[in-house]
Structures are given as structure tokens and as C-alpha cells.
Amino acid sequence: MATGHRITIEQGDVRVRVVRDGQVLAESDRPLVLRETGCPVRYYLPAEDVRTELLTPSDTHTHCPFKGTASYWSLPGSAEGTDDTDRVWAYPDPKPEVAAIKAHLCFYDTEVVEDVS
């Protein structure tokens, strides 16, 4: 890691549900909580807990010097260039320091409800 840059990953102890326009896209009691310097807290959810059949793979890939290359998916009903494109991402082959996030997906700009009963 660069000097002053830090990433921590912890097993979450809450139930997390991701909802978009009233539709549940993911629900998990096994989230990983990733904290990164200068970024908001992110929940990485196991792929098995995500309704991947509702997501559309994107051609977008970005590179993070700390986590690796990310792949993206768009949300249901999104059209190219709308705010719903590229709102879900994962690191298929993350850097060793963050290997725990492999096979986990993260949602951007969605309603995340914690402590769902």
C-alpha cells in the first residue's frame, strides 16, 4: 500500500439488503466490510447472495492500484449512458492484500438496509 493509504476488510455481523426501485437485488448475512482511505465504507456481498440474473454484464473495466482490475454490471432496466449503468462491480482476480473480496460483488449508489430481520 502507498504511504498513508489503508484498506481493511472485516467480516460483517449485520444482514445487508440491496434494494433498487423496490426490487431486492441482494440480501446477505455474510457481507465483507471494506474500509479504504478516502472512500465510503463498502459492503462486498458473496456472489451467491446476489441476484446476478437481474444484472447485465458491462464492457467496462477499471484498474485500482490497491485492489486490481474491476469488472462491472448494470442494474435492471438501465439503458447505456444512464445512471444505472456500471453500478455493481467485483474484482475477479484481486491483489493478494485484498484476496478476501474475490467472488464478492459491491453495489454503488443503491439503498443498503442493515439489520434486516
PDB file of N, CA and C in Angstrom:
ATOM      1  N   MET A   1       0.833  -1.183   0.000  1.00  0.00           N
ATOM      2  CA  MET A   1       0.000   0.000   0.000  1.00  0.00           C
ATOM      3  C   MET A   1       0.880   1.249   0.000  1.00  0.00           C
ATOM      4  N   ALA A   2       0.375   2.284  -0.591  1.00  0.00           N
ATOM      5  CA  ALA A   2       1.079   3.558  -0.592  1.00  0.00           C
ATOM      6  C   ALA A   2       1.079   4.131   0.822  1.00  0.00           C
ATOM      7  N   THR A   3       2.052   4.930   1.111  1.00  0.00           N
ATOM      8  CA  THR A   3       2.129   5.561   2.415  1.00  0.00           C
ATOM      9  C   THR A   3       0.852   6.348   2.673  1.00  0.00           C
ATOM     10  N   GLY A   4       0.237   6.105   3.831  1.00  0.00           N
ATOM     11  CA  GLY A   4      -0.981   6.819   4.181  1.00  0.00           C
ATOM     12  C   GLY A   4      -2.249   6.210   3.627  1.00  0.00           C
ATOM     13  N   HIS A   5      -2.136   5.221   2.746  1.00  0.00           N
ATOM     14  CA  HIS A   5      -3.324   4.575   2.188  1.00  0.00           C
ATOM     15  C   HIS A   5      -3.534   3.253   2.904  1.00  0.00           C
ATOM     16  N   ARG A   6      -4.772   3.022   3.302  1.00  0.00           N
ATOM     17  CA  ARG A   6      -5.054   1.810   4.063  1.00  0.00           C
ATOM     18  C   ARG A   6      -6.376   1.198   3.610  1.00  0.00           C
ATOM     19  N   ILE A   7      -6.408  -0.125   3.533  1.00  0.00           N
ATOM     20  CA  ILE A   7      -7.638  -0.873   3.267  1.00  0.00           C
ATOM     21  C   ILE A   7      -7.755  -1.935   4.348  1.00  0.00           C
ATOM     22  N   THR A   8      -8.929  -1.990   4.961  1.00  0.00           N
ATOM     23  CA  THR A   8      -9.207  -3.078   5.896  1.00  0.00           C
ATOM     24  C   THR A   8     -10.458  -3.803   5.426  1.00  0.00           C
ATOM     25  N   ILE A   9     -10.479  -5.098   5.648  1.00  0.00           N
ATOM     26  CA  ILE A   9     -11.630  -5.917   5.290  1.00  0.00           C
ATOM     27  C   ILE A   9     -11.980  -6.741   6.518  1.00  0.00           C
ATOM     28  N   GLU A  10     -13.241  -6.659   6.920  1.00  0.00           N
ATOM     29  CA  GLU A  10     -13.716  -7.406   8.078  1.00  0.00           C
ATOM     30  C   GLU A  10     -14.978  -8.160   7.711  1.00  0.00           C
ATOM     31  N   GLN A  11     -15.196  -9.277   8.363  1.00  0.00           N
ATOM     32  CA  GLN A  11     -16.462  -9.989   8.207  1.00  0.00           C
ATOM     33  C   GLN A  11     -17.528  -9.173   8.921  1.00  0.00           C
ATOM     34  N   GLY A  12     -18.583  -8.800   8.207  1.00  0.00           N
ATOM     35  CA  GLY A  12     -19.655  -8.032   8.815  1.00  0.00           C
ATOM     36  C   GLY A  12     -20.516  -8.913   9.704  1.00  0.00           C
ATOM     37  N   ASP A  13     -21.166  -8.301  10.674  1.00  0.00           N
ATOM     38  CA  ASP A  13     -22.044  -9.052  11.566  1.00  0.00           C
ATOM     39  C   ASP A  13     -23.484  -8.550  11.472  1.00  0.00           C
ATOM     40  N   VAL A  14     -23.808  -7.918  10.340  1.00  0.00           N
ATOM     41  CA  VAL A  14     -25.165  -7.434  10.089  1.00  0.00           C
ATOM     42  C   VAL A  14     -25.711  -8.102   8.837  1.00  0.00           C
ATOM     43  N   ARG A  15     -27.009  -8.047   8.700  1.00  0.00           N
ATOM     44  CA  ARG A  15     -27.657  -8.517   7.474  1.00  0.00           C
ATOM     45  C   ARG A  15     -27.820  -7.303   6.570  1.00  0.00           C
ATOM     46  N   VAL A  16     -27.435  -7.443   5.334  1.00  0.00           N
ATOM     47  CA  VAL A  16     -27.480  -6.333   4.380  1.00  0.00           C
ATOM     48  C   VAL A  16     -28.395  -6.709   3.226  1.00  0.00           C
ATOM     49  N   ARG A  17     -29.266  -5.777   2.873  1.00  0.00           N
ATOM     50  CA  ARG A  17     -30.151  -5.974   1.725  1.00  0.00           C
ATOM     51  C   ARG A  17     -29.935  -4.801   0.776  1.00  0.00           C
ATOM     52  N   VAL A  18     -29.795  -5.097  -0.496  1.00  0.00           N
ATOM     53  CA  VAL A  18     -29.641  -4.051  -1.510  1.00  0.00           C
ATOM     54  C   VAL A  18     -30.939  -3.989  -2.297  1.00  0.00           C
ATOM     55  N   VAL A  19     -31.541  -2.805  -2.300  1.00  0.00           N
ATOM     56  CA  VAL A  19     -32.831  -2.594  -2.943  1.00  0.00           C
ATOM     57  C   VAL A  19     -32.696  -1.482  -3.965  1.00  0.00           C
ATOM     58  N   ARG A  20     -33.265  -1.687  -5.126  1.00  0.00           N
ATOM     59  CA  ARG A  20     -33.280  -0.637  -6.160  1.00  0.00           C
ATOM     60  C   ARG A  20     -34.689  -0.565  -6.725  1.00  0.00           C
ATOM     61  N   ASP A  21     -35.320   0.589  -6.599  1.00  0.00           N
ATOM     62  CA  ASP A  21     -36.690   0.789  -7.078  1.00  0.00           C
ATOM     63  C   ASP A  21     -37.638  -0.272  -6.528  1.00  0.00           C
ATOM     64  N   GLY A  22     -37.468  -0.605  -5.250  1.00  0.00           N
ATOM     65  CA  GLY A  22     -38.343  -1.556  -4.595  1.00  0.00           C
ATOM     66  C   GLY A  22     -38.023  -3.017  -4.854  1.00  0.00           C
ATOM     67  N   GLN A  23     -37.051  -3.296  -5.695  1.00  0.00           N
ATOM     68  CA  GLN A  23     -36.685  -4.673  -6.034  1.00  0.00           C
ATOM     69  C   GLN A  23     -35.427  -5.079  -5.269  1.00  0.00           C
ATOM     70  N   VAL A  24     -35.503  -6.235  -4.589  1.00  0.00           N
ATOM     71  CA  VAL A  24     -34.349  -6.734  -3.845  1.00  0.00           C
ATOM     72  C   VAL A  24     -33.355  -7.344  -4.837  1.00  0.00           C
ATOM     73  N   LEU A  25     -32.147  -6.792  -4.862  1.00  0.00           N
ATOM     74  CA  LEU A  25     -31.105  -7.287  -5.760  1.00  0.00           C
ATOM     75  C   LEU A  25     -30.135  -8.212  -5.051  1.00  0.00           C
ATOM     76  N   ALA A  26     -30.030  -8.032  -3.735  1.00  0.00           N
ATOM     77  CA  ALA A  26     -29.112  -8.871  -2.952  1.00  0.00           C
ATOM     78  C   ALA A  26     -29.549  -8.827  -1.497  1.00  0.00           C
ATOM     79  N   GLU A  27     -29.288  -9.933  -0.806  1.00  0.00           N
ATOM     80  CA  GLU A  27     -29.546  -9.991   0.627  1.00  0.00           C
ATOM     81  C   GLU A  27     -28.548 -10.968   1.218  1.00  0.00           C
ATOM     82  N   SER A  28     -27.844 -10.527   2.257  1.00  0.00           N
ATOM     83  CA  SER A  28     -26.775 -11.358   2.793  1.00  0.00           C
ATOM     84  C   SER A  28     -26.575 -11.118   4.280  1.00  0.00           C
ATOM     85  N   ASP A  29     -26.286 -12.197   4.986  1.00  0.00           N
ATOM     86  CA  ASP A  29     -25.859 -12.070   6.374  1.00  0.00           C
ATOM     87  C   ASP A  29     -24.364 -12.384   6.474  1.00  0.00           C
ATOM     88  N   ARG A  30     -23.678 -12.330   5.296  1.00  0.00           N
ATOM     89  CA  ARG A  30     -22.245 -12.621   5.224  1.00  0.00           C
ATOM     90  C   ARG A  30     -21.471 -11.516   4.500  1.00  0.00           C
ATOM     91  N   PRO A  31     -21.810 -10.243   4.722  1.00  0.00           N
ATOM     92  CA  PRO A  31     -21.092  -9.195   3.983  1.00  0.00           C
ATOM     93  C   PRO A  31     -19.667  -9.027   4.487  1.00  0.00           C
ATOM     94  N   LEU A  32     -18.796  -8.661   3.576  1.00  0.00           N
ATOM     95  CA  LEU A  32     -17.473  -8.184   3.962  1.00  0.00           C
ATOM     96  C   LEU A  32     -17.551  -6.664   3.991  1.00  0.00           C
ATOM     97  N   VAL A  33     -16.988  -6.067   5.018  1.00  0.00           N
ATOM     98  CA  VAL A  33     -17.000  -4.617   5.154  1.00  0.00           C
ATOM     99  C   VAL A  33     -15.609  -4.116   4.796  1.00  0.00           C
ATOM    100  N   LEU A  34     -15.530  -3.336   3.703  1.00  0.00           N
ATOM    101  CA  LEU A  34     -14.251  -2.819   3.241  1.00  0.00           C
ATOM    102  C   LEU A  34     -14.184  -1.333   3.550  1.00  0.00           C
ATOM    103  N   ARG A  35     -13.139  -0.970   4.256  1.00  0.00           N
ATOM    104  CA  ARG A  35     -12.871   0.443   4.556  1.00  0.00           C
ATOM    105  C   ARG A  35     -11.571   0.820   3.877  1.00  0.00           C
ATOM    106  N   GLU A  36     -11.634   1.916   3.108  1.00  0.00           N
ATOM    107  CA  GLU A  36     -10.462   2.357   2.348  1.00  0.00           C
ATOM    108  C   GLU A  36     -10.277   3.852   2.552  1.00  0.00           C
ATOM    109  N   THR A  37      -9.055   4.260   2.745  1.00  0.00           N
ATOM    110  CA  THR A  37      -8.725   5.668   2.944  1.00  0.00           C
ATOM    111  C   THR A  37      -9.373   6.517   1.849  1.00  0.00           C
ATOM    112  N   GLY A  38     -10.116   7.529   2.257  1.00  0.00           N
ATOM    113  CA  GLY A  38     -10.710   8.475   1.324  1.00  0.00           C
ATOM    114  C   GLY A  38     -11.964   7.996   0.622  1.00  0.00           C
ATOM    115  N   CYS A  39     -12.474   6.817   0.968  1.00  0.00           N
ATOM    116  CA  CYS A  39     -13.656   6.252   0.310  1.00  0.00           C
ATOM    117  C   CYS A  39     -14.720   5.910   1.349  1.00  0.00           C
ATOM    118  N   PRO A  40     -15.987   5.880   0.916  1.00  0.00           N
ATOM    119  CA  PRO A  40     -17.022   5.454   1.860  1.00  0.00           C
ATOM    120  C   PRO A  40     -16.895   3.961   2.163  1.00  0.00           C
ATOM    121  N   VAL A  41     -17.453   3.538   3.286  1.00  0.00           N
ATOM    122  CA  VAL A  41     -17.487   2.117   3.625  1.00  0.00           C
ATOM    123  C   VAL A  41     -18.278   1.387   2.543  1.00  0.00           C
ATOM    124  N   ARG A  42     -17.773   0.235   2.124  1.00  0.00           N
ATOM    125  CA  ARG A  42     -18.440  -0.570   1.095  1.00  0.00           C
ATOM    126  C   ARG A  42     -18.711  -1.965   1.626  1.00  0.00           C
ATOM    127  N   TYR A  43     -19.877  -2.492   1.245  1.00  0.00           N
ATOM    128  CA  TYR A  43     -20.233  -3.869   1.571  1.00  0.00           C
ATOM    129  C   TYR A  43     -19.995  -4.731   0.338  1.00  0.00           C
ATOM    130  N   TYR A  44     -19.166  -5.734   0.479  1.00  0.00           N
ATOM    131  CA  TYR A  44     -18.934  -6.704  -0.589  1.00  0.00           C
ATOM    132  C   TYR A  44     -19.712  -7.962  -0.222  1.00  0.00           C
ATOM    133  N   LEU A  45     -20.627  -8.362  -1.108  1.00  0.00           N
ATOM    134  CA  LEU A  45     -21.529  -9.472  -0.833  1.00  0.00           C
ATOM    135  C   LEU A  45     -21.137 -10.701  -1.640  1.00  0.00           C
ATOM    136  N   PRO A  46     -21.221 -11.890  -1.027  1.00  0.00           N
ATOM    137  CA  PRO A  46     -20.911 -13.114  -1.779  1.00  0.00           C
ATOM    138  C   PRO A  46     -21.799 -13.214  -3.020  1.00  0.00           C
ATOM    139  N   ALA A  47     -21.229 -13.642  -4.120  1.00  0.00           N
ATOM    140  CA  ALA A  47     -21.983 -13.746  -5.376  1.00  0.00           C
ATOM    141  C   ALA A  47     -23.244 -14.588  -5.207  1.00  0.00           C
ATOM    142  N   GLU A  48     -23.197 -15.606  -4.341  1.00  0.00           N
ATOM    143  CA  GLU A  48     -24.358 -16.479  -4.140  1.00  0.00           C
ATOM    144  C   GLU A  48     -25.534 -15.730  -3.509  1.00  0.00           C
ATOM    145  N   ASP A  49     -25.268 -14.591  -2.889  1.00  0.00           N
ATOM    146  CA  ASP A  49     -26.313 -13.816  -2.220  1.00  0.00           C
ATOM    147  C   ASP A  49     -26.834 -12.669  -3.087  1.00  0.00           C
ATOM    148  N   VAL A  50     -26.371 -12.614  -4.324  1.00  0.00           N
ATOM    149  CA  VAL A  50     -26.755 -11.548  -5.257  1.00  0.00           C
ATOM    150  C   VAL A  50     -27.584 -12.164  -6.379  1.00  0.00           C
ATOM    151  N   ARG A  51     -28.650 -11.502  -6.744  1.00  0.00           N
ATOM    152  CA  ARG A  51     -29.496 -11.978  -7.849  1.00  0.00           C
ATOM    153  C   ARG A  51     -28.837 -11.560  -9.171  1.00  0.00           C
ATOM    154  N   THR A  52     -27.776 -12.270  -9.498  1.00  0.00           N
ATOM    155  CA  THR A  52     -26.975 -11.912 -10.679  1.00  0.00           C
ATOM    156  C   THR A  52     -27.776 -12.031 -11.972  1.00  0.00           C
ATOM    157  N   GLU A  53     -28.842 -12.822 -11.956  1.00  0.00           N
ATOM    158  CA  GLU A  53     -29.669 -12.942 -13.167  1.00  0.00           C
ATOM    159  C   GLU A  53     -30.367 -11.622 -13.508  1.00  0.00           C
ATOM    160  N   LEU A  54     -30.425 -10.701 -12.558  1.00  0.00           N
ATOM    161  CA  LEU A  54     -31.043  -9.397 -12.795  1.00  0.00           C
ATOM    162  C   LEU A  54     -30.038  -8.364 -13.303  1.00  0.00           C
ATOM    163  N   LEU A  55     -28.761  -8.689 -13.254  1.00  0.00           N
ATOM    164  CA  LEU A  55     -27.713  -7.744 -13.640  1.00  0.00           C
ATOM    165  C   LEU A  55     -27.249  -8.017 -15.064  1.00  0.00           C
ATOM    166  N   THR A  56     -26.843  -6.970 -15.740  1.00  0.00           N
ATOM    167  CA  THR A  56     -26.330  -7.082 -17.106  1.00  0.00           C
ATOM    168  C   THR A  56     -24.841  -6.792 -17.107  1.00  0.00           C
ATOM    169  N   PRO A  57     -24.021  -7.763 -17.568  1.00  0.00           N
ATOM    170  CA  PRO A  57     -22.577  -7.508 -17.622  1.00  0.00           C
ATOM    171  C   PRO A  57     -22.261  -6.303 -18.513  1.00  0.00           C
ATOM    172  N   SER A  58     -21.266  -5.562 -18.125  1.00  0.00           N
ATOM    173  CA  SER A  58     -20.827  -4.381 -18.866  1.00  0.00           C
ATOM    174  C   SER A  58     -19.457  -4.664 -19.475  1.00  0.00           C
ATOM    175  N   ASP A  59     -19.107  -3.891 -20.469  1.00  0.00           N
ATOM    176  CA  ASP A  59     -17.766  -3.992 -21.057  1.00  0.00           C
ATOM    177  C   ASP A  59     -16.756  -3.147 -20.274  1.00  0.00           C
ATOM    178  N   THR A  60     -17.231  -2.431 -19.273  1.00  0.00           N
ATOM    179  CA  THR A  60     -16.373  -1.529 -18.507  1.00  0.00           C
ATOM    180  C   THR A  60     -15.449  -2.300 -17.566  1.00  0.00           C
ATOM    181  N   HIS A  61     -14.203  -1.878 -17.531  1.00  0.00           N
ATOM    182  CA  HIS A  61     -13.211  -2.383 -16.579  1.00  0.00           C
ATOM    183  C   HIS A  61     -12.400  -1.188 -16.120  1.00  0.00           C
ATOM    184  N   THR A  62     -12.097  -1.153 -14.832  1.00  0.00           N
ATOM    185  CA  THR A  62     -11.247  -0.098 -14.297  1.00  0.00           C
ATOM    186  C   THR A  62     -10.137  -0.748 -13.481  1.00  0.00           C
ATOM    187  N   HIS A  63      -9.076  -0.009 -13.278  1.00  0.00           N
ATOM    188  CA  HIS A  63      -7.961  -0.550 -12.506  1.00  0.00           C
ATOM    189  C   HIS A  63      -7.733   0.294 -11.262  1.00  0.00           C
ATOM    190  N   CYS A  64      -7.668  -0.377 -10.134  1.00  0.00           N
ATOM    191  CA  CYS A  64      -7.316   0.251  -8.862  1.00  0.00           C
ATOM    192  C   CYS A  64      -5.921  -0.247  -8.485  1.00  0.00           C
ATOM    193  N   PRO A  65      -4.995   0.642  -8.196  1.00  0.00           N
ATOM    194  CA  PRO A  65      -3.641   0.190  -7.863  1.00  0.00           C
ATOM    195  C   PRO A  65      -3.571  -0.623  -6.575  1.00  0.00           C
ATOM    196  N   PHE A  66      -4.623  -0.573  -5.768  1.00  0.00           N
ATOM    197  CA  PHE A  66      -4.614  -1.270  -4.482  1.00  0.00           C
ATOM    198  C   PHE A  66      -5.424  -2.567  -4.495  1.00  0.00           C
ATOM    199  N   LYS A  67      -6.419  -2.644  -5.387  1.00  0.00           N
ATOM    200  CA  LYS A  67      -7.300  -3.826  -5.402  1.00  0.00           C
ATOM    201  C   LYS A  67      -7.188  -4.641  -6.689  1.00  0.00           C
ATOM    202  N   GLY A  68      -6.842  -4.031  -7.793  1.00  0.00           N
ATOM    203  CA  GLY A  68      -6.720  -4.752  -9.064  1.00  0.00           C
ATOM    204  C   GLY A  68      -7.706  -4.230 -10.094  1.00  0.00           C
ATOM    205  N   THR A  69      -8.070  -5.088 -11.053  1.00  0.00           N
ATOM    206  CA  THR A  69      -8.967  -4.708 -12.146  1.00  0.00           C
ATOM    207  C   THR A  69     -10.393  -5.136 -11.812  1.00  0.00           C
ATOM    208  N   ALA A  70     -11.306  -4.172 -11.904  1.00  0.00           N
ATOM    209  CA  ALA A  70     -12.714  -4.417 -11.589  1.00  0.00           C
ATOM    210  C   ALA A  70     -13.518  -4.653 -12.859  1.00  0.00           C
ATOM    211  N   SER A  71     -14.481  -5.555 -12.760  1.00  0.00           N
ATOM    212  CA  SER A  71     -15.489  -5.780 -13.802  1.00  0.00           C
ATOM    213  C   SER A  71     -16.804  -5.205 -13.295  1.00  0.00           C
ATOM    214  N   TYR A  72     -17.671  -4.780 -14.222  1.00  0.00           N
ATOM    215  CA  TYR A  72     -18.904  -4.086 -13.852  1.00  0.00           C
ATOM    216  C   TYR A  72     -20.146  -4.733 -14.433  1.00  0.00           C
ATOM    217  N   TRP A  73     -21.281  -4.453 -13.767  1.00  0.00           N
ATOM    218  CA  TRP A  73     -22.603  -4.856 -14.219  1.00  0.00           C
ATOM    219  C   TRP A  73     -23.526  -3.662 -14.087  1.00  0.00           C
ATOM    220  N   SER A  74     -24.587  -3.670 -14.895  1.00  0.00           N
ATOM    221  CA  SER A  74     -25.601  -2.623 -14.825  1.00  0.00           C
ATOM    222  C   SER A  74     -26.841  -3.160 -14.135  1.00  0.00           C
ATOM    223  N   LEU A  75     -27.639  -2.242 -13.593  1.00  0.00           N
ATOM    224  CA  LEU A  75     -28.842  -2.607 -12.863  1.00  0.00           C
ATOM    225  C   LEU A  75     -30.016  -2.848 -13.805  1.00  0.00           C
ATOM    226  N   PRO A  76     -31.056  -3.531 -13.314  1.00  0.00           N
ATOM    227  CA  PRO A  76     -32.220  -3.828 -14.163  1.00  0.00           C
ATOM    228  C   PRO A  76     -32.822  -2.573 -14.774  1.00  0.00           C
ATOM    229  N   GLY A  77     -33.171  -2.685 -16.049  1.00  0.00           N
ATOM    230  CA  GLY A  77     -33.841  -1.589 -16.727  1.00  0.00           C
ATOM    231  C   GLY A  77     -32.940  -0.449 -17.141  1.00  0.00           C
ATOM    232  N   SER A  78     -31.627  -0.592 -16.988  1.00  0.00           N
ATOM    233  CA  SER A  78     -30.742   0.522 -17.322  1.00  0.00           C
ATOM    234  C   SER A  78     -30.482   0.575 -18.818  1.00  0.00           C
ATOM    235  N   ALA A  79     -30.371   1.775 -19.317  1.00  0.00           N
ATOM    236  CA  ALA A  79     -30.019   1.995 -20.715  1.00  0.00           C
ATOM    237  C   ALA A  79     -28.609   2.562 -20.749  1.00  0.00           C
ATOM    238  N   GLU A  80     -27.881   2.259 -21.805  1.00  0.00           N
ATOM    239  CA  GLU A  80     -26.499   2.730 -21.937  1.00  0.00           C
ATOM    240  C   GLU A  80     -26.432   4.228 -21.682  1.00  0.00           C
ATOM    241  N   GLY A  81     -25.501   4.627 -20.820  1.00  0.00           N
ATOM    242  CA  GLY A  81     -25.303   6.039 -20.528  1.00  0.00           C
ATOM    243  C   GLY A  81     -26.198   6.582 -19.421  1.00  0.00           C
ATOM    244  N   THR A  82     -27.062   5.744 -18.847  1.00  0.00           N
ATOM    245  CA  THR A  82     -27.907   6.227 -17.755  1.00  0.00           C
ATOM    246  C   THR A  82     -27.183   6.040 -16.430  1.00  0.00           C
ATOM    247  N   ASP A  83     -27.786   6.540 -15.373  1.00  0.00           N
ATOM    248  CA  ASP A  83     -27.190   6.430 -14.046  1.00  0.00           C
ATOM    249  C   ASP A  83     -27.194   5.006 -13.509  1.00  0.00           C
ATOM    250  N   ASP A  84     -27.891   4.086 -14.162  1.00  0.00           N
ATOM    251  CA  ASP A  84     -27.959   2.709 -13.677  1.00  0.00           C
ATOM    252  C   ASP A  84     -26.892   1.804 -14.288  1.00  0.00           C
ATOM    253  N   THR A  85     -26.088   2.327 -15.204  1.00  0.00           N
ATOM    254  CA  THR A  85     -25.039   1.514 -15.803  1.00  0.00           C
ATOM    255  C   THR A  85     -23.821   1.473 -14.882  1.00  0.00           C
ATOM    256  N   ASP A  86     -23.169   0.337 -14.869  1.00  0.00           N
ATOM    257  CA  ASP A  86     -21.911   0.161 -14.120  1.00  0.00           C
ATOM    258  C   ASP A  86     -22.055   0.478 -12.632  1.00  0.00           C
ATOM    259  N   ARG A  87     -23.131   0.045 -12.008  1.00  0.00           N
ATOM    260  CA  ARG A  87     -23.380   0.335 -10.596  1.00  0.00           C
ATOM    261  C   ARG A  87     -23.017  -0.823  -9.673  1.00  0.00           C
ATOM    262  N   VAL A  88     -22.570  -1.926 -10.248  1.00  0.00           N
ATOM    263  CA  VAL A  88     -22.161  -3.094  -9.470  1.00  0.00           C
ATOM    264  C   VAL A  88     -20.787  -3.505  -9.979  1.00  0.00           C
ATOM    265  N   TRP A  89     -19.892  -3.847  -9.067  1.00  0.00           N
ATOM    266  CA  TRP A  89     -18.565  -4.250  -9.513  1.00  0.00           C
ATOM    267  C   TRP A  89     -18.010  -5.366  -8.656  1.00  0.00           C
ATOM    268  N   ALA A  90     -16.981  -6.006  -9.208  1.00  0.00           N
ATOM    269  CA  ALA A  90     -16.268  -7.062  -8.490  1.00  0.00           C
ATOM    270  C   ALA A  90     -14.839  -7.094  -9.008  1.00  0.00           C
ATOM    271  N   TYR A  91     -13.976  -7.696  -8.208  1.00  0.00           N
ATOM    272  CA  TYR A  91     -12.587  -7.889  -8.585  1.00  0.00           C
ATOM    273  C   TYR A  91     -12.371  -9.395  -8.772  1.00  0.00           C
ATOM    274  N   PRO A  92     -12.462  -9.887 -10.026  1.00  0.00           N
ATOM    275  CA  PRO A  92     -12.332 -11.327 -10.267  1.00  0.00           C
ATOM    276  C   PRO A  92     -10.984 -11.905  -9.838  1.00  0.00           C
ATOM    277  N   ASP A  93      -9.940 -11.088  -9.925  1.00  0.00           N
ATOM    278  CA  ASP A  93      -8.601 -11.532  -9.542  1.00  0.00           C
ATOM    279  C   ASP A  93      -7.940 -10.419  -8.725  1.00  0.00           C
ATOM    280  N   PRO A  94      -8.419 -10.218  -7.476  1.00  0.00           N
ATOM    281  CA  PRO A  94      -7.897  -9.097  -6.689  1.00  0.00           C
ATOM    282  C   PRO A  94      -6.448  -9.293  -6.283  1.00  0.00           C
ATOM    283  N   LYS A  95      -5.826  -8.195  -5.932  1.00  0.00           N
ATOM    284  CA  LYS A  95      -4.449  -8.253  -5.426  1.00  0.00           C
ATOM    285  C   LYS A  95      -4.424  -9.076  -4.140  1.00  0.00           C
ATOM    286  N   PRO A  96      -3.291  -9.722  -3.848  1.00  0.00           N
ATOM    287  CA  PRO A  96      -3.203 -10.597  -2.667  1.00  0.00           C
ATOM    288  C   PRO A  96      -3.614  -9.926  -1.353  1.00  0.00           C
ATOM    289  N   GLU A  97      -3.329  -8.637  -1.209  1.00  0.00           N
ATOM    290  CA  GLU A  97      -3.647  -7.932   0.034  1.00  0.00           C
ATOM    291  C   GLU A  97      -5.154  -7.838   0.300  1.00  0.00           C
ATOM    292  N   VAL A  98      -5.956  -7.973  -0.754  1.00  0.00           N
ATOM    293  CA  VAL A  98      -7.420  -7.887  -0.615  1.00  0.00           C
ATOM    294  C   VAL A  98      -8.098  -9.132  -1.188  1.00  0.00           C
ATOM    295  N   ALA A  99      -7.413 -10.251  -1.133  1.00  0.00           N
ATOM    296  CA  ALA A  99      -7.924 -11.504  -1.729  1.00  0.00           C
ATOM    297  C   ALA A  99      -9.299 -11.893  -1.202  1.00  0.00           C
ATOM    298  N   ALA A 100      -9.653 -11.459  -0.025  1.00  0.00           N
ATOM    299  CA  ALA A 100     -10.941 -11.832   0.572  1.00  0.00           C
ATOM    300  C   ALA A 100     -12.132 -11.373  -0.264  1.00  0.00           C
ATOM    301  N   ILE A 101     -11.974 -10.320  -1.091  1.00  0.00           N
ATOM    302  CA  ILE A 101     -13.119  -9.816  -1.859  1.00  0.00           C
ATOM    303  C   ILE A 101     -13.366 -10.593  -3.153  1.00  0.00           C
ATOM    304  N   LYS A 102     -12.527 -11.566  -3.440  1.00  0.00           N
ATOM    305  CA  LYS A 102     -12.756 -12.396  -4.631  1.00  0.00           C
ATOM    306  C   LYS A 102     -14.111 -13.089  -4.485  1.00  0.00           C
ATOM    307  N   ALA A 103     -14.869 -13.170  -5.587  1.00  0.00           N
ATOM    308  CA  ALA A 103     -16.198 -13.798  -5.624  1.00  0.00           C
ATOM    309  C   ALA A 103     -17.227 -13.023  -4.795  1.00  0.00           C
ATOM    310  N   HIS A 104     -16.991 -11.727  -4.599  1.00  0.00           N
ATOM    311  CA  HIS A 104     -17.920 -10.846  -3.910  1.00  0.00           C
ATOM    312  C   HIS A 104     -18.244  -9.666  -4.817  1.00  0.00           C
ATOM    313  N   LEU A 105     -19.477  -9.173  -4.742  1.00  0.00           N
ATOM    314  CA  LEU A 105     -19.900  -8.030  -5.533  1.00  0.00           C
ATOM    315  C   LEU A 105     -20.222  -6.856  -4.627  1.00  0.00           C
ATOM    316  N   CYS A 106     -20.026  -5.665  -5.152  1.00  0.00           N
ATOM    317  CA  CYS A 106     -20.291  -4.441  -4.415  1.00  0.00           C
ATOM    318  C   CYS A 106     -21.235  -3.567  -5.234  1.00  0.00           C
ATOM    319  N   PHE A 107     -22.156  -2.912  -4.554  1.00  0.00           N
ATOM    320  CA  PHE A 107     -23.151  -2.060  -5.214  1.00  0.00           C
ATOM    321  C   PHE A 107     -22.850  -0.605  -4.919  1.00  0.00           C
ATOM    322  N   TYR A 108     -22.944   0.223  -5.948  1.00  0.00           N
ATOM    323  CA  TYR A 108     -22.696   1.652  -5.820  1.00  0.00           C
ATOM    324  C   TYR A 108     -24.008   2.405  -5.904  1.00  0.00           C
ATOM    325  N   ASP A 109     -24.191   3.350  -5.012  1.00  0.00           N
ATOM    326  CA  ASP A 109     -25.316   4.272  -5.116  1.00  0.00           C
ATOM    327  C   ASP A 109     -26.661   3.573  -5.083  1.00  0.00           C
ATOM    328  N   THR A 110     -26.810   2.614  -4.195  1.00  0.00           N
ATOM    329  CA  THR A 110     -28.097   1.953  -4.013  1.00  0.00           C
ATOM    330  C   THR A 110     -28.479   2.049  -2.545  1.00  0.00           C
ATOM    331  N   GLU A 111     -29.712   1.746  -2.244  1.00  0.00           N
ATOM    332  CA  GLU A 111     -30.178   1.750  -0.868  1.00  0.00           C
ATOM    333  C   GLU A 111     -29.690   0.479  -0.185  1.00  0.00           C
ATOM    334  N   VAL A 112     -28.895   0.625   0.843  1.00  0.00           N
ATOM    335  CA  VAL A 112     -28.417  -0.527   1.610  1.00  0.00           C
ATOM    336  C   VAL A 112     -29.084  -0.471   2.974  1.00  0.00           C
ATOM    337  N   VAL A 113     -29.825  -1.524   3.303  1.00  0.00           N
ATOM    338  CA  VAL A 113     -30.543  -1.597   4.562  1.00  0.00           C
ATOM    339  C   VAL A 113     -29.832  -2.593   5.456  1.00  0.00           C
ATOM    340  N   GLU A 114     -29.364  -2.142   6.606  1.00  0.00           N
ATOM    341  CA  GLU A 114     -28.672  -3.018   7.544  1.00  0.00           C
ATOM    342  C   GLU A 114     -29.649  -3.543   8.591  1.00  0.00           C
ATOM    343  N   ASP A 115     -29.260  -4.630   9.257  1.00  0.00           N
ATOM    344  CA  ASP A 115     -30.041  -5.219  10.335  1.00  0.00           C
ATOM    345  C   ASP A 115     -31.459  -5.571   9.895  1.00  0.00           C
ATOM    346  N   VAL A 116     -31.570  -6.200   8.750  1.00  0.00           N
ATOM    347  CA  VAL A 116     -32.867  -6.647   8.248  1.00  0.00           C
ATOM    348  C   VAL A 116     -33.289  -7.880   9.016  1.00  0.00           C
ATOM    349  N   SER A 117     -34.545  -7.910   9.494  1.00  0.00           N
ATOM    350  CA  SER A 117     -34.993  -9.118  10.191  1.00  0.00           C
ATOM    351  C   SER A 117     -35.976  -9.892   9.365  1.00  0.00           C
TER     352      SER A 117
END
